[in-house]
């Protein structure tokens, strides 16, 4: 059978200010209040910070010349509306089935309140302690920030970059199993008569594991990885991407390869050329 490959829109990943305030209106209406109630009821008394008022909170002294805002933001990773459709079309061999389910909440920072706010145990990972490990950008010449610790806190003066860092961290969590967070890992099954080669865990700056398409505040038509070197730019990567309400969202597209099952045994496969790369 013919082996095909393409990118699927697996997740809509949002980064926003207020707990339960996802910019995706339908998700905010259905899951926002439940998320806020659960987080407040279960963990509100355990945290030293008001759990229901994270909104773009900053710390530090603005008088310091080298000061950059330490910003806190919420994040959600929800199954893309078209994810389940790929499973239907997969039956005729035109598309590879996605690993995600439409509208399914794989990660909500409000339900992961303790780890997302308190950095425990994330702060003990080597990548959290050693500069240059798991950086979004090219360290030390330019950097957006680190993937670790995978929390809602970022040290970043540009809000769009801070939101992008949160999105990268959320994607990093849900595409792996056994992480110290409250989430559902993306683990798919090939139940559509296909043999599927799914993407591996998301890795920063690696297109072969996933690319990002901005939805809010701008609906962009192309996909890119985070970490663009914008040192020579007058406006920076965030120029023209700032949202007045602090709401940001991206599609996460991930590469898949698949073929229709023929016979009872899989022998081998041949790639005449690799796509997606």
C-alpha atoms as a PDB file:
ATOM      1  CA  UNK A   1       0.000   0.000   0.000  1.00  0.00           C
ATOM      2  CA  UNK A   2       1.046   3.620  -0.503  1.00  0.00           C
ATOM      3  CA  UNK A   3       2.584   5.444   2.413  1.00  0.00           C
ATOM      4  CA  UNK A   4       1.465   9.067   2.764  1.00  0.00           C
ATOM      5  CA  UNK A   5       2.525  11.901   5.032  1.00  0.00           C
ATOM      6  CA  UNK A   6       1.193  15.298   6.075  1.00  0.00           C
ATOM      7  CA  UNK A   7       0.658  17.606   9.040  1.00  0.00           C
ATOM      8  CA  UNK A   8      -2.460  17.378  11.226  1.00  0.00           C
ATOM      9  CA  UNK A   9      -3.816  20.189  13.421  1.00  0.00           C
ATOM     10  CA  UNK A  10      -3.703  18.318  16.721  1.00  0.00           C
ATOM     11  CA  UNK A  11      -4.233  20.971  19.378  1.00  0.00           C
ATOM     12  CA  UNK A  12      -5.430  24.498  19.996  1.00  0.00           C
ATOM     13  CA  UNK A  13      -3.099  25.826  22.690  1.00  0.00           C
ATOM     14  CA  UNK A  14      -4.143  29.034  24.438  1.00  0.00           C
ATOM     15  CA  UNK A  15      -2.287  31.350  26.806  1.00  0.00           C
ATOM     16  CA  UNK A  16      -4.265  33.970  28.698  1.00  0.00           C
ATOM     17  CA  UNK A  17      -4.434  36.026  31.882  1.00  0.00           C
ATOM     18  CA  UNK A  18      -7.384  35.053  34.058  1.00  0.00           C
ATOM     19  CA  UNK A  19      -8.164  31.568  35.354  1.00  0.00           C
ATOM     20  CA  UNK A  20     -10.943  30.056  33.230  1.00  0.00           C
ATOM     21  CA  UNK A  21     -10.697  32.860  30.660  1.00  0.00           C
ATOM     22  CA  UNK A  22      -9.692  30.882  27.558  1.00  0.00           C
ATOM     23  CA  UNK A  23     -10.048  33.088  24.430  1.00  0.00           C
ATOM     24  CA  UNK A  24     -11.803  30.177  22.694  1.00  0.00           C
ATOM     25  CA  UNK A  25     -15.359  31.233  23.540  1.00  0.00           C
ATOM     26  CA  UNK A  26     -16.938  27.770  23.458  1.00  0.00           C
ATOM     27  CA  UNK A  27     -14.242  26.271  25.667  1.00  0.00           C
ATOM     28  CA  UNK A  28     -14.479  29.165  28.100  1.00  0.00           C
ATOM     29  CA  UNK A  29     -18.259  28.681  28.329  1.00  0.00           C
ATOM     30  CA  UNK A  30     -18.102  24.917  28.867  1.00  0.00           C
ATOM     31  CA  UNK A  31     -14.877  24.350  30.800  1.00  0.00           C
ATOM     32  CA  UNK A  32     -13.895  27.737  32.198  1.00  0.00           C
ATOM     33  CA  UNK A  33     -16.191  27.841  35.215  1.00  0.00           C
ATOM     34  CA  UNK A  34     -15.591  24.180  36.053  1.00  0.00           C
ATOM     35  CA  UNK A  35     -11.835  24.709  35.866  1.00  0.00           C
ATOM     36  CA  UNK A  36     -12.004  27.753  38.102  1.00  0.00           C
ATOM     37  CA  UNK A  37     -14.250  26.058  40.658  1.00  0.00           C
ATOM     38  CA  UNK A  38     -12.128  22.916  40.798  1.00  0.00           C
ATOM     39  CA  UNK A  39      -8.842  24.784  41.120  1.00  0.00           C
ATOM     40  CA  UNK A  40     -10.175  27.148  43.770  1.00  0.00           C
ATOM     41  CA  UNK A  41     -11.881  24.424  45.771  1.00  0.00           C
ATOM     42  CA  UNK A  42      -9.062  21.887  45.707  1.00  0.00           C
ATOM     43  CA  UNK A  43      -5.947  24.022  45.926  1.00  0.00           C
ATOM     44  CA  UNK A  44      -6.976  27.562  46.788  1.00  0.00           C
ATOM     45  CA  UNK A  45      -6.215  27.146  50.471  1.00  0.00           C
ATOM     46  CA  UNK A  46      -2.802  25.579  49.792  1.00  0.00           C
ATOM     47  CA  UNK A  47      -1.340  28.356  47.665  1.00  0.00           C
ATOM     48  CA  UNK A  48       0.117  31.621  48.965  1.00  0.00           C
ATOM     49  CA  UNK A  49      -1.193  33.528  45.922  1.00  0.00           C
ATOM     50  CA  UNK A  50      -4.842  34.195  45.024  1.00  0.00           C
ATOM     51  CA  UNK A  51      -5.664  31.323  42.703  1.00  0.00           C
ATOM     52  CA  UNK A  52      -8.481  33.163  40.938  1.00  0.00           C
ATOM     53  CA  UNK A  53      -6.529  36.314  40.102  1.00  0.00           C
ATOM     54  CA  UNK A  54      -3.393  35.266  38.240  1.00  0.00           C
ATOM     55  CA  UNK A  55      -4.062  37.904  35.580  1.00  0.00           C
ATOM     56  CA  UNK A  56      -0.732  38.919  34.095  1.00  0.00           C
ATOM     57  CA  UNK A  57       0.780  39.215  37.553  1.00  0.00           C
ATOM     58  CA  UNK A  58       4.304  40.605  37.618  1.00  0.00           C
ATOM     59  CA  UNK A  59       7.002  40.749  40.241  1.00  0.00           C
ATOM     60  CA  UNK A  60      10.253  42.627  40.674  1.00  0.00           C
ATOM     61  CA  UNK A  61      11.352  46.228  40.851  1.00  0.00           C
ATOM     62  CA  UNK A  62      10.904  48.376  37.783  1.00  0.00           C
ATOM     63  CA  UNK A  63      13.751  50.621  38.951  1.00  0.00           C
ATOM     64  CA  UNK A  64      16.396  48.048  38.098  1.00  0.00           C
ATOM     65  CA  UNK A  65      18.009  48.715  34.747  1.00  0.00           C
ATOM     66  CA  UNK A  66      18.178  45.018  33.890  1.00  0.00           C
ATOM     67  CA  UNK A  67      14.660  44.304  35.094  1.00  0.00           C
ATOM     68  CA  UNK A  68      12.378  42.136  32.992  1.00  0.00           C
ATOM     69  CA  UNK A  69       8.847  41.280  34.005  1.00  0.00           C
ATOM     70  CA  UNK A  70       8.293  37.996  35.763  1.00  0.00           C
ATOM     71  CA  UNK A  71       4.875  37.236  34.325  1.00  0.00           C
ATOM     72  CA  UNK A  72       2.326  34.552  35.180  1.00  0.00           C
ATOM     73  CA  UNK A  73      -0.164  33.228  32.618  1.00  0.00           C
ATOM     74  CA  UNK A  74      -2.689  30.396  32.346  1.00  0.00           C
ATOM     75  CA  UNK A  75      -2.634  27.867  29.492  1.00  0.00           C
ATOM     76  CA  UNK A  76      -4.893  25.209  27.970  1.00  0.00           C
ATOM     77  CA  UNK A  77      -4.268  22.522  25.346  1.00  0.00           C
ATOM     78  CA  UNK A  78      -7.525  21.387  23.722  1.00  0.00           C
ATOM     79  CA  UNK A  79      -8.080  18.895  20.903  1.00  0.00           C
ATOM     80  CA  UNK A  80      -8.484  20.668  17.553  1.00  0.00           C
ATOM     81  CA  UNK A  81     -12.046  20.715  16.115  1.00  0.00           C
ATOM     82  CA  UNK A  82     -10.870  18.830  13.006  1.00  0.00           C
ATOM     83  CA  UNK A  83      -8.847  16.163  14.813  1.00  0.00           C
ATOM     84  CA  UNK A  84     -11.615  13.580  14.920  1.00  0.00           C
ATOM     85  CA  UNK A  85     -12.513  14.243  11.287  1.00  0.00           C
ATOM     86  CA  UNK A  86      -9.134  12.848  10.271  1.00  0.00           C
ATOM     87  CA  UNK A  87     -10.189   9.477  11.686  1.00  0.00           C
ATOM     88  CA  UNK A  88     -13.265   9.433   9.442  1.00  0.00           C
ATOM     89  CA  UNK A  89     -11.380  10.358   6.278  1.00  0.00           C
ATOM     90  CA  UNK A  90      -8.567   7.967   7.216  1.00  0.00           C
ATOM     91  CA  UNK A  91     -10.837   5.062   6.363  1.00  0.00           C
ATOM     92  CA  UNK A  92     -10.544   5.836   2.650  1.00  0.00           C
ATOM     93  CA  UNK A  93      -6.774   6.292   2.807  1.00  0.00           C
ATOM     94  CA  UNK A  94      -6.649  10.029   2.158  1.00  0.00           C
ATOM     95  CA  UNK A  95      -5.438  11.215   5.565  1.00  0.00           C
ATOM     96  CA  UNK A  96      -3.580   9.848   8.557  1.00  0.00           C
ATOM     97  CA  UNK A  97      -5.572   9.608  11.753  1.00  0.00           C
ATOM     98  CA  UNK A  98      -4.641  12.143  14.403  1.00  0.00           C
ATOM     99  CA  UNK A  99      -3.725  11.075  17.923  1.00  0.00           C
ATOM    100  CA  UNK A 100      -6.018  13.697  19.455  1.00  0.00           C
ATOM    101  CA  UNK A 101      -9.778  13.924  19.947  1.00  0.00           C
ATOM    102  CA  UNK A 102     -11.681  17.078  19.050  1.00  0.00           C
ATOM    103  CA  UNK A 103     -12.480  19.422  21.959  1.00  0.00           C
ATOM    104  CA  UNK A 104     -10.862  17.102  24.503  1.00  0.00           C
ATOM    105  CA  UNK A 105      -9.041  19.002  27.305  1.00  0.00           C
ATOM    106  CA  UNK A 106      -5.564  17.477  27.445  1.00  0.00           C
ATOM    107  CA  UNK A 107      -4.167  20.181  29.704  1.00  0.00           C
ATOM    108  CA  UNK A 108      -5.727  22.961  31.773  1.00  0.00           C
ATOM    109  CA  UNK A 109      -3.393  24.934  33.981  1.00  0.00           C
ATOM    110  CA  UNK A 110      -6.166  25.608  36.507  1.00  0.00           C
ATOM    111  CA  UNK A 111      -6.434  21.891  37.237  1.00  0.00           C
ATOM    112  CA  UNK A 112      -2.636  21.678  37.389  1.00  0.00           C
ATOM    113  CA  UNK A 113      -2.578  24.662  39.740  1.00  0.00           C
ATOM    114  CA  UNK A 114       0.060  23.429  42.168  1.00  0.00           C
ATOM    115  CA  UNK A 115       2.725  22.506  39.594  1.00  0.00           C
ATOM    116  CA  UNK A 116       1.870  25.372  37.224  1.00  0.00           C
ATOM    117  CA  UNK A 117       2.187  27.971  39.999  1.00  0.00           C
ATOM    118  CA  UNK A 118       4.672  26.604  42.514  1.00  0.00           C
ATOM    119  CA  UNK A 119       7.346  25.092  40.197  1.00  0.00           C
ATOM    120  CA  UNK A 120       7.447  21.857  42.204  1.00  0.00           C
ATOM    121  CA  UNK A 121       9.012  19.511  41.172  1.00  0.00           C
ATOM    122  CA  UNK A 122       9.875  21.269  37.880  1.00  0.00           C
ATOM    123  CA  UNK A 123      12.523  23.451  39.493  1.00  0.00           C
ATOM    124  CA  UNK A 124      14.678  20.381  40.223  1.00  0.00           C
ATOM    125  CA  UNK A 125      15.148  19.317  36.587  1.00  0.00           C
ATOM    126  CA  UNK A 126      18.670  20.007  35.237  1.00  0.00           C
ATOM    127  CA  UNK A 127      17.171  22.092  32.416  1.00  0.00           C
ATOM    128  CA  UNK A 128      15.633  24.378  35.046  1.00  0.00           C
ATOM    129  CA  UNK A 129      18.967  24.910  36.775  1.00  0.00           C
ATOM    130  CA  UNK A 130      21.493  25.092  33.928  1.00  0.00           C
ATOM    131  CA  UNK A 131      21.312  27.994  31.435  1.00  0.00           C
ATOM    132  CA  UNK A 132      21.373  26.904  27.813  1.00  0.00           C
ATOM    133  CA  UNK A 133      19.432  23.653  28.228  1.00  0.00           C
ATOM    134  CA  UNK A 134      16.083  23.437  26.435  1.00  0.00           C
ATOM    135  CA  UNK A 135      16.165  27.093  25.372  1.00  0.00           C
ATOM    136  CA  UNK A 136      13.626  28.585  22.963  1.00  0.00           C
ATOM    137  CA  UNK A 137      16.048  30.576  20.853  1.00  0.00           C
ATOM    138  CA  UNK A 138      19.821  30.392  20.472  1.00  0.00           C
ATOM    139  CA  UNK A 139      21.580  30.720  23.791  1.00  0.00           C
ATOM    140  CA  UNK A 140      23.456  32.887  24.741  1.00  0.00           C
ATOM    141  CA  UNK A 141      23.209  35.235  21.723  1.00  0.00           C
ATOM    142  CA  UNK A 142      19.464  35.535  21.909  1.00  0.00           C
ATOM    143  CA  UNK A 143      16.819  33.667  23.801  1.00  0.00           C
ATOM    144  CA  UNK A 144      13.123  33.863  24.367  1.00  0.00           C
ATOM    145  CA  UNK A 145      13.169  31.773  27.512  1.00  0.00           C
ATOM    146  CA  UNK A 146      13.510  28.198  28.653  1.00  0.00           C
ATOM    147  CA  UNK A 147      11.066  25.342  28.233  1.00  0.00           C
ATOM    148  CA  UNK A 148      11.894  24.441  31.833  1.00  0.00           C
ATOM    149  CA  UNK A 149      10.599  24.938  34.409  1.00  0.00           C
ATOM    150  CA  UNK A 150       7.288  24.125  32.725  1.00  0.00           C
ATOM    151  CA  UNK A 151       5.164  26.521  34.753  1.00  0.00           C
ATOM    152  CA  UNK A 152       3.097  29.637  34.115  1.00  0.00           C
ATOM    153  CA  UNK A 153       5.938  31.948  35.170  1.00  0.00           C
ATOM    154  CA  UNK A 154       8.131  33.484  32.484  1.00  0.00           C
ATOM    155  CA  UNK A 155      10.782  36.191  32.572  1.00  0.00           C
ATOM    156  CA  UNK A 156      10.034  37.986  29.337  1.00  0.00           C
ATOM    157  CA  UNK A 157       9.437  41.657  28.533  1.00  0.00           C
ATOM    158  CA  UNK A 158       7.355  40.926  25.401  1.00  0.00           C
ATOM    159  CA  UNK A 159       3.902  39.536  26.143  1.00  0.00           C
ATOM    160  CA  UNK A 160       3.507  37.584  22.853  1.00  0.00           C
ATOM    161  CA  UNK A 161       6.781  35.781  23.555  1.00  0.00           C
ATOM    162  CA  UNK A 162       5.722  35.013  27.125  1.00  0.00           C
ATOM    163  CA  UNK A 163       2.497  33.512  25.760  1.00  0.00           C
ATOM    164  CA  UNK A 164       4.436  31.494  23.172  1.00  0.00           C
ATOM    165  CA  UNK A 165       6.702  30.098  25.890  1.00  0.00           C
ATOM    166  CA  UNK A 166       3.626  28.964  27.838  1.00  0.00           C
ATOM    167  CA  UNK A 167       2.246  27.315  24.694  1.00  0.00           C
ATOM    168  CA  UNK A 168       5.541  25.492  24.069  1.00  0.00           C
ATOM    169  CA  UNK A 169       5.609  24.256  27.654  1.00  0.00           C
ATOM    170  CA  UNK A 170       2.021  23.011  27.449  1.00  0.00           C
ATOM    171  CA  UNK A 171       2.768  21.157  24.219  1.00  0.00           C
ATOM    172  CA  UNK A 172       5.909  19.708  25.772  1.00  0.00           C
ATOM    173  CA  UNK A 173       3.901  18.280  28.658  1.00  0.00           C
ATOM    174  CA  UNK A 174       0.992  16.711  26.778  1.00  0.00           C
ATOM    175  CA  UNK A 175       3.149  15.020  24.115  1.00  0.00           C
ATOM    176  CA  UNK A 176       4.992  13.064  26.818  1.00  0.00           C
ATOM    177  CA  UNK A 177       3.883  10.471  29.343  1.00  0.00           C
ATOM    178  CA  UNK A 178       4.698  10.344  33.037  1.00  0.00           C
ATOM    179  CA  UNK A 179       5.158  14.075  33.584  1.00  0.00           C
ATOM    180  CA  UNK A 180       4.614  15.546  37.095  1.00  0.00           C
ATOM    181  CA  UNK A 181       1.493  17.440  36.078  1.00  0.00           C
ATOM    182  CA  UNK A 182      -2.275  16.961  36.032  1.00  0.00           C
ATOM    183  CA  UNK A 183      -2.969  16.272  32.352  1.00  0.00           C
ATOM    184  CA  UNK A 184      -3.936  13.627  29.798  1.00  0.00           C
ATOM    185  CA  UNK A 185      -1.047  12.591  27.499  1.00  0.00           C
ATOM    186  CA  UNK A 186      -1.640  12.388  23.761  1.00  0.00           C
ATOM    187  CA  UNK A 187      -1.635   8.679  23.031  1.00  0.00           C
ATOM    188  CA  UNK A 188      -3.504   7.665  19.900  1.00  0.00           C
ATOM    189  CA  UNK A 189      -4.487   4.346  18.400  1.00  0.00           C
ATOM    190  CA  UNK A 190      -4.692   3.298  14.769  1.00  0.00           C
ATOM    191  CA  UNK A 191      -8.262   2.053  14.768  1.00  0.00           C
ATOM    192  CA  UNK A 192      -9.071   3.125  11.213  1.00  0.00           C
ATOM    193  CA  UNK A 193      -7.437   0.293   9.271  1.00  0.00           C
ATOM    194  CA  UNK A 194      -4.135   2.163   9.098  1.00  0.00           C
ATOM    195  CA  UNK A 195      -0.596   1.705  10.237  1.00  0.00           C
ATOM    196  CA  UNK A 196       0.382   5.129  11.584  1.00  0.00           C
ATOM    197  CA  UNK A 197       3.823   6.577  12.287  1.00  0.00           C
ATOM    198  CA  UNK A 198       2.877   9.338  14.743  1.00  0.00           C
ATOM    199  CA  UNK A 199       5.096  12.279  15.665  1.00  0.00           C
ATOM    200  CA  UNK A 200       7.356  12.047  18.666  1.00  0.00           C
ATOM    201  CA  UNK A 201       7.333  14.380  21.665  1.00  0.00           C
ATOM    202  CA  UNK A 202       7.339  18.087  20.861  1.00  0.00           C
ATOM    203  CA  UNK A 203      10.827  19.621  20.865  1.00  0.00           C
ATOM    204  CA  UNK A 204      11.496  23.332  20.650  1.00  0.00           C
ATOM    205  CA  UNK A 205      12.842  24.625  17.297  1.00  0.00           C
ATOM    206  CA  UNK A 206      12.326  21.194  15.686  1.00  0.00           C
ATOM    207  CA  UNK A 207       9.811  21.268  12.822  1.00  0.00           C
ATOM    208  CA  UNK A 208       9.820  17.493  12.611  1.00  0.00           C
ATOM    209  CA  UNK A 209       7.971  17.373  15.943  1.00  0.00           C
ATOM    210  CA  UNK A 210       5.498  20.216  15.410  1.00  0.00           C
ATOM    211  CA  UNK A 211       4.940  23.763  14.161  1.00  0.00           C
ATOM    212  CA  UNK A 212       2.757  26.624  15.367  1.00  0.00           C
ATOM    213  CA  UNK A 213       0.099  28.665  13.559  1.00  0.00           C
ATOM    214  CA  UNK A 214      -1.116  31.769  15.405  1.00  0.00           C
ATOM    215  CA  UNK A 215      -4.895  32.127  15.728  1.00  0.00           C
ATOM    216  CA  UNK A 216      -5.255  34.953  18.279  1.00  0.00           C
ATOM    217  CA  UNK A 217      -4.766  37.887  18.073  1.00  0.00           C
ATOM    218  CA  UNK A 218      -3.811  37.385  14.403  1.00  0.00           C
ATOM    219  CA  UNK A 219      -5.000  34.529  12.217  1.00  0.00           C
ATOM    220  CA  UNK A 220      -1.837  33.637  10.320  1.00  0.00           C
ATOM    221  CA  UNK A 221      -1.737  31.397   7.250  1.00  0.00           C
ATOM    222  CA  UNK A 222       1.736  29.953   7.802  1.00  0.00           C
ATOM    223  CA  UNK A 223       3.352  27.826  10.490  1.00  0.00           C
ATOM    224  CA  UNK A 224       6.640  28.377  12.268  1.00  0.00           C
ATOM    225  CA  UNK A 225       8.585  27.224  15.276  1.00  0.00           C
ATOM    226  CA  UNK A 226       9.150  29.579  18.187  1.00  0.00           C
ATOM    227  CA  UNK A 227      12.610  31.022  18.764  1.00  0.00           C
ATOM    228  CA  UNK A 228      13.117  33.326  15.769  1.00  0.00           C
ATOM    229  CA  UNK A 229      16.228  35.480  16.065  1.00  0.00           C
ATOM    230  CA  UNK A 230      14.792  38.999  16.057  1.00  0.00           C
ATOM    231  CA  UNK A 231      17.808  40.919  17.344  1.00  0.00           C
ATOM    232  CA  UNK A 232      18.064  42.868  14.079  1.00  0.00           C
ATOM    233  CA  UNK A 233      14.348  43.678  13.984  1.00  0.00           C
ATOM    234  CA  UNK A 234      13.118  47.101  15.060  1.00  0.00           C
ATOM    235  CA  UNK A 235       9.819  45.759  16.386  1.00  0.00           C
ATOM    236  CA  UNK A 236      10.870  42.246  17.372  1.00  0.00           C
ATOM    237  CA  UNK A 237       8.906  39.042  16.857  1.00  0.00           C
ATOM    238  CA  UNK A 238       6.096  40.358  19.032  1.00  0.00           C
ATOM    239  CA  UNK A 239       5.589  43.471  16.905  1.00  0.00           C
ATOM    240  CA  UNK A 240       2.052  43.428  15.511  1.00  0.00           C
ATOM    241  CA  UNK A 241       1.129  40.411  17.641  1.00  0.00           C
ATOM    242  CA  UNK A 242       0.200  42.133  20.912  1.00  0.00           C
ATOM    243  CA  UNK A 243      -3.358  41.561  22.110  1.00  0.00           C
ATOM    244  CA  UNK A 244      -4.915  44.286  24.248  1.00  0.00           C
ATOM    245  CA  UNK A 245      -6.727  41.697  26.378  1.00  0.00           C
ATOM    246  CA  UNK A 246      -3.661  39.478  26.751  1.00  0.00           C
ATOM    247  CA  UNK A 247      -5.257  36.564  24.883  1.00  0.00           C
ATOM    248  CA  UNK A 248      -3.205  34.311  22.582  1.00  0.00           C
ATOM    249  CA  UNK A 249      -3.857  31.003  20.830  1.00  0.00           C
ATOM    250  CA  UNK A 250      -2.089  28.761  18.331  1.00  0.00           C
ATOM    251  CA  UNK A 251      -2.782  25.642  16.317  1.00  0.00           C
ATOM    252  CA  UNK A 252      -0.160  22.971  16.927  1.00  0.00           C
ATOM    253  CA  UNK A 253       0.405  21.068  13.658  1.00  0.00           C
ATOM    254  CA  UNK A 254       2.270  17.764  13.960  1.00  0.00           C
ATOM    255  CA  UNK A 255       3.615  15.477  11.211  1.00  0.00           C
ATOM    256  CA  UNK A 256       2.109  12.050  10.534  1.00  0.00           C
ATOM    257  CA  UNK A 257       2.874   9.223   8.135  1.00  0.00           C
ATOM    258  CA  UNK A 258       0.615   6.251   7.487  1.00  0.00           C
ATOM    259  CA  UNK A 259      -0.416   3.493   5.093  1.00  0.00           C
ATOM    260  CA  UNK A 260      -3.472   1.264   4.807  1.00  0.00           C
ATOM    261  CA  UNK A 261      -3.170  -2.166   6.384  1.00  0.00           C
ATOM    262  CA  UNK A 262      -2.813  -4.992   3.858  1.00  0.00           C
ATOM    263  CA  UNK A 263      -2.652  -8.606   4.961  1.00  0.00           C
ATOM    264  CA  UNK A 264      -1.887  -9.810   8.466  1.00  0.00           C
ATOM    265  CA  UNK A 265       1.808  -8.956   8.848  1.00  0.00           C
ATOM    266  CA  UNK A 266       3.765  -5.760   8.405  1.00  0.00           C
ATOM    267  CA  UNK A 267       7.066  -6.506   6.647  1.00  0.00           C
ATOM    268  CA  UNK A 268       8.815  -3.192   5.961  1.00  0.00           C
ATOM    269  CA  UNK A 269       8.317   0.250   4.472  1.00  0.00           C
ATOM    270  CA  UNK A 270      10.278   2.273   1.913  1.00  0.00           C
ATOM    271  CA  UNK A 271      10.543   6.073   1.953  1.00  0.00           C
ATOM    272  CA  UNK A 272      11.383   7.353  -1.531  1.00  0.00           C
ATOM    273  CA  UNK A 273      11.530  10.793   0.002  1.00  0.00           C
ATOM    274  CA  UNK A 274      10.707  11.917   3.513  1.00  0.00           C
ATOM    275  CA  UNK A 275       7.612  14.048   4.006  1.00  0.00           C
ATOM    276  CA  UNK A 276       6.882  15.580   6.370  1.00  0.00           C
ATOM    277  CA  UNK A 277      10.603  16.170   6.850  1.00  0.00           C
END
